[in-house]
Amino acid sequence: MTSYASDELIPSSEFAKRFGSYLAQITSRSIDKLAILKNNRVEAVIVSRDDYERMNEALEYVENQEIARLIQERTAQPYRTLTQDEMLEHLGISENELT
């Protein structure tokens, strides 16, 4: 779970009033992130565009690693080709249902 410094926690009403000031803090990197509070709960987090893009790239990398792992896992196992009739039988579908 992410932790926040006290100067990173902003009530939504205050954020709305001082949006420009907070945006300037994020873009100048004087603060890493701002957690917007609503009813004393974090509802959103504001980060710089560069940080967001890095996070997005990291997420994409992790997702690609997972896909690569699945491919490797599945191609390592022997497989058998099924005929259409075998597949339909396996799925419990009659050929008449396809038309």
C-alpha atoms as a PDB file:
ATOM      1  CA  MET A   1       0.000   0.000   0.000  1.00  0.00           C
ATOM      2  CA  THR A   2       1.255   3.476  -0.835  1.00  0.00           C
ATOM      3  CA  SER A   3       1.984   5.861   1.998  1.00  0.00           C
ATOM      4  CA  TYR A   4       1.502   9.609   1.827  1.00  0.00           C
ATOM      5  CA  ALA A   5       3.227  12.471   3.600  1.00  0.00           C
ATOM      6  CA  SER A   6       0.920  14.937   5.305  1.00  0.00           C
ATOM      7  CA  ASP A   7       1.592  17.587   2.629  1.00  0.00           C
ATOM      8  CA  GLU A   8       0.493  15.092  -0.046  1.00  0.00           C
ATOM      9  CA  LEU A   9      -3.021  14.638   1.411  1.00  0.00           C
ATOM     10  CA  ILE A  10      -5.430  17.292   0.125  1.00  0.00           C
ATOM     11  CA  PRO A  11      -9.191  17.515   0.771  1.00  0.00           C
ATOM     12  CA  SER A  12     -11.079  17.673  -2.533  1.00  0.00           C
ATOM     13  CA  SER A  13     -12.623  21.042  -1.654  1.00  0.00           C
ATOM     14  CA  GLU A  14      -9.180  22.585  -1.079  1.00  0.00           C
ATOM     15  CA  PHE A  15      -7.842  20.951  -4.249  1.00  0.00           C
ATOM     16  CA  ALA A  16     -10.663  22.511  -6.260  1.00  0.00           C
ATOM     17  CA  LYS A  17      -9.939  25.955  -4.832  1.00  0.00           C
ATOM     18  CA  ARG A  18      -6.182  25.790  -5.371  1.00  0.00           C
ATOM     19  CA  PHE A  19      -5.945  23.574  -8.451  1.00  0.00           C
ATOM     20  CA  GLY A  20      -3.386  25.798 -10.233  1.00  0.00           C
ATOM     21  CA  SER A  21      -1.079  25.867  -7.230  1.00  0.00           C
ATOM     22  CA  TYR A  22      -1.187  22.098  -6.807  1.00  0.00           C
ATOM     23  CA  LEU A  23      -0.691  21.519 -10.529  1.00  0.00           C
ATOM     24  CA  ALA A  24       2.381  23.755 -10.421  1.00  0.00           C
ATOM     25  CA  GLN A  25       3.786  21.740  -7.500  1.00  0.00           C
ATOM     26  CA  ILE A  26       3.365  18.497  -9.439  1.00  0.00           C
ATOM     27  CA  THR A  27       4.792  19.810 -12.713  1.00  0.00           C
ATOM     28  CA  SER A  28       7.766  21.470 -10.984  1.00  0.00           C
ATOM     29  CA  ARG A  29       8.379  18.231  -9.067  1.00  0.00           C
ATOM     30  CA  SER A  30       8.381  20.014  -5.710  1.00  0.00           C
ATOM     31  CA  ILE A  31       6.021  17.213  -4.691  1.00  0.00           C
ATOM     32  CA  ASP A  32       5.846  13.663  -6.117  1.00  0.00           C
ATOM     33  CA  LYS A  33       2.136  13.028  -5.790  1.00  0.00           C
ATOM     34  CA  LEU A  34      -1.054  14.461  -4.359  1.00  0.00           C
ATOM     35  CA  ALA A  35      -3.711  12.266  -2.812  1.00  0.00           C
ATOM     36  CA  ILE A  36      -7.151  13.822  -3.125  1.00  0.00           C
ATOM     37  CA  LEU A  37      -9.381  13.078  -0.137  1.00  0.00           C
ATOM     38  CA  LYS A  38     -13.141  12.815  -0.097  1.00  0.00           C
ATOM     39  CA  ASN A  39     -14.779  11.967   3.223  1.00  0.00           C
ATOM     40  CA  ASN A  40     -11.284  11.335   4.622  1.00  0.00           C
ATOM     41  CA  ARG A  41     -10.564   8.609   2.069  1.00  0.00           C
ATOM     42  CA  VAL A  42      -8.110   8.773  -0.821  1.00  0.00           C
ATOM     43  CA  GLU A  43     -10.234   8.920  -3.979  1.00  0.00           C
ATOM     44  CA  ALA A  44      -7.602   9.908  -6.550  1.00  0.00           C
ATOM     45  CA  VAL A  45      -3.874  10.472  -6.855  1.00  0.00           C
ATOM     46  CA  ILE A  46      -2.349  13.149  -9.062  1.00  0.00           C
ATOM     47  CA  VAL A  47       1.134  12.529 -10.471  1.00  0.00           C
ATOM     48  CA  SER A  48       3.173  14.200 -13.191  1.00  0.00           C
ATOM     49  CA  ARG A  49       2.728  13.131 -16.794  1.00  0.00           C
ATOM     50  CA  ASP A  50       6.271  11.720 -16.841  1.00  0.00           C
ATOM     51  CA  ASP A  51       5.637   9.612 -13.732  1.00  0.00           C
ATOM     52  CA  TYR A  52       2.332   8.403 -15.158  1.00  0.00           C
ATOM     53  CA  GLU A  53       3.991   7.391 -18.432  1.00  0.00           C
ATOM     54  CA  ARG A  54       6.755   5.536 -16.555  1.00  0.00           C
ATOM     55  CA  MET A  55       4.160   3.708 -14.454  1.00  0.00           C
ATOM     56  CA  ASN A  56       2.210   2.824 -17.583  1.00  0.00           C
ATOM     57  CA  GLU A  57       5.365   1.489 -19.278  1.00  0.00           C
ATOM     58  CA  ALA A  58       6.210  -0.550 -16.176  1.00  0.00           C
ATOM     59  CA  LEU A  59       2.716  -2.020 -16.114  1.00  0.00           C
ATOM     60  CA  GLU A  60       2.948  -2.874 -19.818  1.00  0.00           C
ATOM     61  CA  TYR A  61       6.325  -4.553 -19.215  1.00  0.00           C
ATOM     62  CA  VAL A  62       4.891  -6.659 -16.373  1.00  0.00           C
ATOM     63  CA  GLU A  63       1.884  -7.633 -18.508  1.00  0.00           C
ATOM     64  CA  ASN A  64       4.186  -8.603 -21.395  1.00  0.00           C
ATOM     65  CA  GLN A  65       6.324 -10.678 -19.021  1.00  0.00           C
ATOM     66  CA  GLU A  66       3.183 -12.512 -17.869  1.00  0.00           C
ATOM     67  CA  ILE A  67       2.130 -13.163 -21.475  1.00  0.00           C
ATOM     68  CA  ALA A  68       5.622 -14.459 -22.279  1.00  0.00           C
ATOM     69  CA  ARG A  69       5.496 -16.738 -19.232  1.00  0.00           C
ATOM     70  CA  LEU A  70       2.116 -18.133 -20.306  1.00  0.00           C
ATOM     71  CA  ILE A  71       3.351 -18.742 -23.852  1.00  0.00           C
ATOM     72  CA  GLN A  72       6.438 -20.518 -22.571  1.00  0.00           C
ATOM     73  CA  GLU A  73       4.386 -22.583 -20.136  1.00  0.00           C
ATOM     74  CA  ARG A  74       1.835 -23.600 -22.761  1.00  0.00           C
ATOM     75  CA  THR A  75       4.317 -24.351 -25.542  1.00  0.00           C
ATOM     76  CA  ALA A  76       6.406 -26.520 -23.204  1.00  0.00           C
ATOM     77  CA  GLN A  77       3.521 -28.986 -22.878  1.00  0.00           C
ATOM     78  CA  PRO A  78       2.837 -31.534 -25.589  1.00  0.00           C
ATOM     79  CA  TYR A  79      -0.373 -30.955 -27.482  1.00  0.00           C
ATOM     80  CA  ARG A  80      -2.627 -32.893 -29.785  1.00  0.00           C
ATOM     81  CA  THR A  81      -4.565 -31.502 -32.727  1.00  0.00           C
ATOM     82  CA  LEU A  82      -8.311 -32.129 -32.562  1.00  0.00           C
ATOM     83  CA  THR A  83     -10.600 -32.554 -35.508  1.00  0.00           C
ATOM     84  CA  GLN A  84     -13.642 -30.316 -35.768  1.00  0.00           C
ATOM     85  CA  ASP A  85     -15.885 -33.212 -34.783  1.00  0.00           C
ATOM     86  CA  GLU A  86     -13.760 -33.939 -31.700  1.00  0.00           C
ATOM     87  CA  MET A  87     -13.839 -30.292 -30.681  1.00  0.00           C
ATOM     88  CA  LEU A  88     -17.608 -30.043 -31.131  1.00  0.00           C
ATOM     89  CA  GLU A  89     -18.076 -33.193 -29.078  1.00  0.00           C
ATOM     90  CA  HIS A  90     -15.734 -31.873 -26.390  1.00  0.00           C
ATOM     91  CA  LEU A  91     -17.715 -28.608 -26.235  1.00  0.00           C
ATOM     92  CA  GLY A  92     -21.068 -30.382 -26.330  1.00  0.00           C
ATOM     93  CA  ILE A  93     -22.143 -28.637 -29.532  1.00  0.00           C
ATOM     94  CA  SER A  94     -23.844 -30.329 -32.463  1.00  0.00           C
ATOM     95  CA  GLU A  95     -22.877 -29.468 -36.008  1.00  0.00           C
ATOM     96  CA  ASN A  96     -26.464 -28.272 -36.609  1.00  0.00           C
ATOM     97  CA  GLU A  97     -25.992 -25.555 -33.947  1.00  0.00           C
ATOM     98  CA  LEU A  98     -23.219 -23.975 -36.027  1.00  0.00           C
ATOM     99  CA  THR A  99     -25.514 -23.068 -38.897  1.00  0.00           C
END
